[in-house]
Amino acid sequence: NNEYNYWVSKIRIRSEHGVGFLKGRFCSLRGLRLRINNQLSIQFASLWVITAIVLHNF
């Protein structure tokens, strides 16, 4: 159980750092307030984040 928790926390920390980096780089992600309650809002949020990543790599 301790080993499982260790690996899950390690992955979560990396994920949080990635989100923090993107929010620091793109202010529009910081202000992105969406209620994710249907497929359309999931697609919109996903495309917004993907667009930020593409712009970062450009």
PDB file of N, CA and C in Angstrom:
ATOM      1  N   ASN A   1       0.821  -1.195   0.000  1.00  0.00           N
ATOM      2  CA  ASN A   1       0.000   0.000   0.000  1.00  0.00           C
ATOM      3  C   ASN A   1       0.868   1.263   0.000  1.00  0.00           C
ATOM      4  N   ASN A   2       1.939   1.267   0.770  1.00  0.00           N
ATOM      5  CA  ASN A   2       2.820   2.435   0.796  1.00  0.00           C
ATOM      6  C   ASN A   2       3.496   2.657  -0.551  1.00  0.00           C
ATOM      7  N   GLU A   3       3.885   1.565  -1.194  1.00  0.00           N
ATOM      8  CA  GLU A   3       4.530   1.697  -2.504  1.00  0.00           C
ATOM      9  C   GLU A   3       3.544   2.239  -3.541  1.00  0.00           C
ATOM     10  N   TYR A   4       2.318   1.749  -3.497  1.00  0.00           N
ATOM     11  CA  TYR A   4       1.275   2.242  -4.400  1.00  0.00           C
ATOM     12  C   TYR A   4       1.062   3.744  -4.191  1.00  0.00           C
ATOM     13  N   ASN A   5       0.915   4.156  -2.942  1.00  0.00           N
ATOM     14  CA  ASN A   5       0.715   5.575  -2.632  1.00  0.00           C
ATOM     15  C   ASN A   5       1.891   6.418  -3.100  1.00  0.00           C
ATOM     16  N   TYR A   6       3.092   5.878  -2.962  1.00  0.00           N
ATOM     17  CA  TYR A   6       4.295   6.593  -3.400  1.00  0.00           C
ATOM     18  C   TYR A   6       4.222   6.876  -4.898  1.00  0.00           C
ATOM     19  N   TRP A   7       3.916   5.854  -5.690  1.00  0.00           N
ATOM     20  CA  TRP A   7       3.892   6.024  -7.140  1.00  0.00           C
ATOM     21  C   TRP A   7       2.723   6.893  -7.594  1.00  0.00           C
ATOM     22  N   VAL A   8       1.588   6.777  -6.954  1.00  0.00           N
ATOM     23  CA  VAL A   8       0.451   7.629  -7.312  1.00  0.00           C
ATOM     24  C   VAL A   8       0.768   9.091  -7.003  1.00  0.00           C
ATOM     25  N   SER A   9       1.382   9.343  -5.857  1.00  0.00           N
ATOM     26  CA  SER A   9       1.717  10.726  -5.505  1.00  0.00           C
ATOM     27  C   SER A   9       2.784  11.283  -6.436  1.00  0.00           C
ATOM     28  N   LYS A  10       3.705  10.455  -6.869  1.00  0.00           N
ATOM     29  CA  LYS A  10       4.750  10.899  -7.791  1.00  0.00           C
ATOM     30  C   LYS A  10       4.142  11.342  -9.123  1.00  0.00           C
ATOM     31  N   ILE A  11       3.184  10.566  -9.615  1.00  0.00           N
ATOM     32  CA  ILE A  11       2.508  10.923 -10.869  1.00  0.00           C
ATOM     33  C   ILE A  11       1.664  12.178 -10.683  1.00  0.00           C
ATOM     34  N   ARG A  12       0.985  12.281  -9.557  1.00  0.00           N
ATOM     35  CA  ARG A  12       0.140  13.455  -9.307  1.00  0.00           C
ATOM     36  C   ARG A  12       0.973  14.732  -9.224  1.00  0.00           C
ATOM     37  N   ILE A  13       2.121  14.655  -8.588  1.00  0.00           N
ATOM     38  CA  ILE A  13       2.993  15.823  -8.476  1.00  0.00           C
ATOM     39  C   ILE A  13       3.431  16.290  -9.858  1.00  0.00           C
ATOM     40  N   ARG A  14       3.819  15.352 -10.722  1.00  0.00           N
ATOM     41  CA  ARG A  14       4.222  15.719 -12.086  1.00  0.00           C
ATOM     42  C   ARG A  14       3.069  16.367 -12.842  1.00  0.00           C
ATOM     43  N   SER A  15       1.886  15.816 -12.673  1.00  0.00           N
ATOM     44  CA  SER A  15       0.709  16.357 -13.334  1.00  0.00           C
ATOM     45  C   SER A  15       0.426  17.781 -12.850  1.00  0.00           C
ATOM     46  N   GLU A  16       0.484  17.982 -11.545  1.00  0.00           N
ATOM     47  CA  GLU A  16       0.245  19.313 -10.974  1.00  0.00           C
ATOM     48  C   GLU A  16       1.295  20.314 -11.444  1.00  0.00           C
ATOM     49  N   HIS A  17       2.542  19.892 -11.548  1.00  0.00           N
ATOM     50  CA  HIS A  17       3.597  20.781 -12.041  1.00  0.00           C
ATOM     51  C   HIS A  17       3.345  21.166 -13.497  1.00  0.00           C
ATOM     52  N   GLY A  18       2.887  20.200 -14.297  1.00  0.00           N
ATOM     53  CA  GLY A  18       2.574  20.485 -15.695  1.00  0.00           C
ATOM     54  C   GLY A  18       1.441  21.483 -15.838  1.00  0.00           C
ATOM     55  N   VAL A  19       0.402  21.299 -15.061  1.00  0.00           N
ATOM     56  CA  VAL A  19      -0.730  22.232 -15.090  1.00  0.00           C
ATOM     57  C   VAL A  19      -0.285  23.610 -14.606  1.00  0.00           C
ATOM     58  N   GLY A  20       0.516  23.643 -13.556  1.00  0.00           N
ATOM     59  CA  GLY A  20       1.021  24.917 -13.047  1.00  0.00           C
ATOM     60  C   GLY A  20       1.879  25.640 -14.065  1.00  0.00           C
ATOM     61  N   PHE A  21       2.708  24.891 -14.788  1.00  0.00           N
ATOM     62  CA  PHE A  21       3.538  25.497 -15.830  1.00  0.00           C
ATOM     63  C   PHE A  21       2.669  26.125 -16.908  1.00  0.00           C
ATOM     64  N   LEU A  22       1.677  25.372 -17.382  1.00  0.00           N
ATOM     65  CA  LEU A  22       0.809  25.900 -18.434  1.00  0.00           C
ATOM     66  C   LEU A  22       0.030  27.121 -17.963  1.00  0.00           C
ATOM     67  N   LYS A  23      -0.457  27.085 -16.728  1.00  0.00           N
ATOM     68  CA  LYS A  23      -1.195  28.237 -16.202  1.00  0.00           C
ATOM     69  C   LYS A  23      -0.280  29.445 -16.031  1.00  0.00           C
ATOM     70  N   GLY A  24       0.970  29.216 -15.691  1.00  0.00           N
ATOM     71  CA  GLY A  24       1.910  30.321 -15.574  1.00  0.00           C
ATOM     72  C   GLY A  24       2.283  30.911 -16.919  1.00  0.00           C
ATOM     73  N   ARG A  25       2.334  30.076 -17.934  1.00  0.00           N
ATOM     74  CA  ARG A  25       2.731  30.514 -19.273  1.00  0.00           C
ATOM     75  C   ARG A  25       1.582  31.169 -20.025  1.00  0.00           C
ATOM     76  N   PHE A  26       0.371  30.688 -19.805  1.00  0.00           N
ATOM     77  CA  PHE A  26      -0.798  31.181 -20.533  1.00  0.00           C
ATOM     78  C   PHE A  26      -1.857  31.652 -19.541  1.00  0.00           C
ATOM     79  N   CYS A  27      -1.997  32.958 -19.444  1.00  0.00           N
ATOM     80  CA  CYS A  27      -2.957  33.536 -18.496  1.00  0.00           C
ATOM     81  C   CYS A  27      -4.393  33.126 -18.814  1.00  0.00           C
ATOM     82  N   SER A  28      -4.664  32.835 -20.071  1.00  0.00           N
ATOM     83  CA  SER A  28      -6.037  32.454 -20.431  1.00  0.00           C
ATOM     84  C   SER A  28      -6.439  31.142 -19.767  1.00  0.00           C
ATOM     85  N   LEU A  29      -5.479  30.276 -19.477  1.00  0.00           N
ATOM     86  CA  LEU A  29      -5.809  29.031 -18.782  1.00  0.00           C
ATOM     87  C   LEU A  29      -6.104  29.287 -17.313  1.00  0.00           C
ATOM     88  N   ARG A  30      -5.465  30.298 -16.751  1.00  0.00           N
ATOM     89  CA  ARG A  30      -5.715  30.627 -15.350  1.00  0.00           C
ATOM     90  C   ARG A  30      -7.146  31.102 -15.155  1.00  0.00           C
ATOM     91  N   GLY A  31      -7.643  31.821 -16.149  1.00  0.00           N
ATOM     92  CA  GLY A  31      -8.994  32.355 -16.058  1.00  0.00           C
ATOM     93  C   GLY A  31     -10.054  31.463 -16.681  1.00  0.00           C
ATOM     94  N   LEU A  32      -9.670  30.270 -17.105  1.00  0.00           N
ATOM     95  CA  LEU A  32     -10.623  29.364 -17.748  1.00  0.00           C
ATOM     96  C   LEU A  32     -11.533  28.756 -16.691  1.00  0.00           C
ATOM     97  N   ARG A  33     -12.734  29.273 -16.600  1.00  0.00           N
ATOM     98  CA  ARG A  33     -13.702  28.784 -15.629  1.00  0.00           C
ATOM     99  C   ARG A  33     -14.836  28.121 -16.392  1.00  0.00           C
ATOM    100  N   LEU A  34     -14.872  26.820 -16.332  1.00  0.00           N
ATOM    101  CA  LEU A  34     -15.909  26.073 -17.038  1.00  0.00           C
ATOM    102  C   LEU A  34     -16.575  25.094 -16.102  1.00  0.00           C
ATOM    103  N   ARG A  35     -17.825  24.913 -16.302  1.00  0.00           N
ATOM    104  CA  ARG A  35     -18.527  23.833 -15.615  1.00  0.00           C
ATOM    105  C   ARG A  35     -18.527  22.652 -16.579  1.00  0.00           C
ATOM    106  N   ILE A  36     -17.801  21.621 -16.216  1.00  0.00           N
ATOM    107  CA  ILE A  36     -17.688  20.436 -17.066  1.00  0.00           C
ATOM    108  C   ILE A  36     -18.875  19.532 -16.751  1.00  0.00           C
ATOM    109  N   ASN A  37     -19.924  19.681 -17.546  1.00  0.00           N
ATOM    110  CA  ASN A  37     -21.125  18.893 -17.272  1.00  0.00           C
ATOM    111  C   ASN A  37     -21.699  18.212 -18.507  1.00  0.00           C
ATOM    112  N   ASN A  38     -21.027  18.369 -19.640  1.00  0.00           N
ATOM    113  CA  ASN A  38     -21.470  17.660 -20.838  1.00  0.00           C
ATOM    114  C   ASN A  38     -20.283  17.463 -21.780  1.00  0.00           C
ATOM    115  N   GLN A  39     -20.511  16.738 -22.839  1.00  0.00           N
ATOM    116  CA  GLN A  39     -19.433  16.395 -23.767  1.00  0.00           C
ATOM    117  C   GLN A  39     -18.867  17.637 -24.448  1.00  0.00           C
ATOM    118  N   LEU A  40     -19.704  18.596 -24.757  1.00  0.00           N
ATOM    119  CA  LEU A  40     -19.245  19.805 -25.437  1.00  0.00           C
ATOM    120  C   LEU A  40     -18.279  20.605 -24.566  1.00  0.00           C
ATOM    121  N   SER A  41     -18.576  20.744 -23.287  1.00  0.00           N
ATOM    122  CA  SER A  41     -17.678  21.498 -22.408  1.00  0.00           C
ATOM    123  C   SER A  41     -16.358  20.756 -22.198  1.00  0.00           C
ATOM    124  N   ILE A  42     -16.389  19.426 -22.204  1.00  0.00           N
ATOM    125  CA  ILE A  42     -15.146  18.649 -22.107  1.00  0.00           C
ATOM    126  C   ILE A  42     -14.295  18.880 -23.348  1.00  0.00           C
ATOM    127  N   GLN A  43     -14.918  18.850 -24.512  1.00  0.00           N
ATOM    128  CA  GLN A  43     -14.186  19.085 -25.755  1.00  0.00           C
ATOM    129  C   GLN A  43     -13.613  20.492 -25.802  1.00  0.00           C
ATOM    130  N   PHE A  44     -14.388  21.480 -25.369  1.00  0.00           N
ATOM    131  CA  PHE A  44     -13.921  22.864 -25.381  1.00  0.00           C
ATOM    132  C   PHE A  44     -12.700  23.030 -24.484  1.00  0.00           C
ATOM    133  N   ALA A  45     -12.763  22.520 -23.267  1.00  0.00           N
ATOM    134  CA  ALA A  45     -11.634  22.641 -22.344  1.00  0.00           C
ATOM    135  C   ALA A  45     -10.413  21.901 -22.879  1.00  0.00           C
ATOM    136  N   SER A  46     -10.620  20.725 -23.443  1.00  0.00           N
ATOM    137  CA  SER A  46      -9.507  19.950 -23.998  1.00  0.00           C
ATOM    138  C   SER A  46      -8.844  20.694 -25.149  1.00  0.00           C
ATOM    139  N   LEU A  47      -9.642  21.244 -26.052  1.00  0.00           N
ATOM    140  CA  LEU A  47      -9.077  21.985 -27.180  1.00  0.00           C
ATOM    141  C   LEU A  47      -8.353  23.242 -26.724  1.00  0.00           C
ATOM    142  N   TRP A  48      -8.845  23.880 -25.690  1.00  0.00           N
ATOM    143  CA  TRP A  48      -8.202  25.080 -25.158  1.00  0.00           C
ATOM    144  C   TRP A  48      -6.802  24.740 -24.639  1.00  0.00           C
ATOM    145  N   VAL A  49      -6.694  23.651 -23.888  1.00  0.00           N
ATOM    146  CA  VAL A  49      -5.404  23.226 -23.335  1.00  0.00           C
ATOM    147  C   VAL A  49      -4.475  22.763 -24.453  1.00  0.00           C
ATOM    148  N   ILE A  50      -4.992  21.998 -25.407  1.00  0.00           N
ATOM    149  CA  ILE A  50      -4.166  21.536 -26.527  1.00  0.00           C
ATOM    150  C   ILE A  50      -3.650  22.721 -27.328  1.00  0.00           C
ATOM    151  N   THR A  51      -4.481  23.723 -27.538  1.00  0.00           N
ATOM    152  CA  THR A  51      -4.055  24.924 -28.253  1.00  0.00           C
ATOM    153  C   THR A  51      -2.917  25.618 -27.520  1.00  0.00           C
ATOM    154  N   ALA A  52      -3.005  25.706 -26.211  1.00  0.00           N
ATOM    155  CA  ALA A  52      -1.933  26.326 -25.426  1.00  0.00           C
ATOM    156  C   ALA A  52      -0.636  25.539 -25.568  1.00  0.00           C
ATOM    157  N   ILE A  53      -0.725  24.214 -25.555  1.00  0.00           N
ATOM    158  CA  ILE A  53       0.473  23.378 -25.690  1.00  0.00           C
ATOM    159  C   ILE A  53       1.083  23.539 -27.078  1.00  0.00           C
ATOM    160  N   VAL A  54       0.243  23.570 -28.106  1.00  0.00           N
ATOM    161  CA  VAL A  54       0.746  23.748 -29.472  1.00  0.00           C
ATOM    162  C   VAL A  54       1.423  25.104 -29.611  1.00  0.00           C
ATOM    163  N   LEU A  55       0.809  26.146 -29.079  1.00  0.00           N
ATOM    164  CA  LEU A  55       1.419  27.475 -29.143  1.00  0.00           C
ATOM    165  C   LEU A  55       2.744  27.514 -28.395  1.00  0.00           C
ATOM    166  N   HIS A  56       2.835  26.820 -27.305  1.00  0.00           N
ATOM    167  CA  HIS A  56       4.086  26.777 -26.547  1.00  0.00           C
ATOM    168  C   HIS A  56       5.185  26.117 -27.366  1.00  0.00           C
ATOM    169  N   ASN A  57       4.851  25.053 -28.088  1.00  0.00           N
ATOM    170  CA  ASN A  57       5.842  24.324 -28.876  1.00  0.00           C
ATOM    171  C   ASN A  57       6.154  24.991 -30.205  1.00  0.00           C
ATOM    172  N   PHE A  58       5.388  26.005 -30.580  1.00  0.00           N
ATOM    173  CA  PHE A  58       5.595  26.702 -31.842  1.00  0.00           C
ATOM    174  C   PHE A  58       6.698  27.669 -31.657  1.00  0.00           C
TER     175      PHE A  58
END
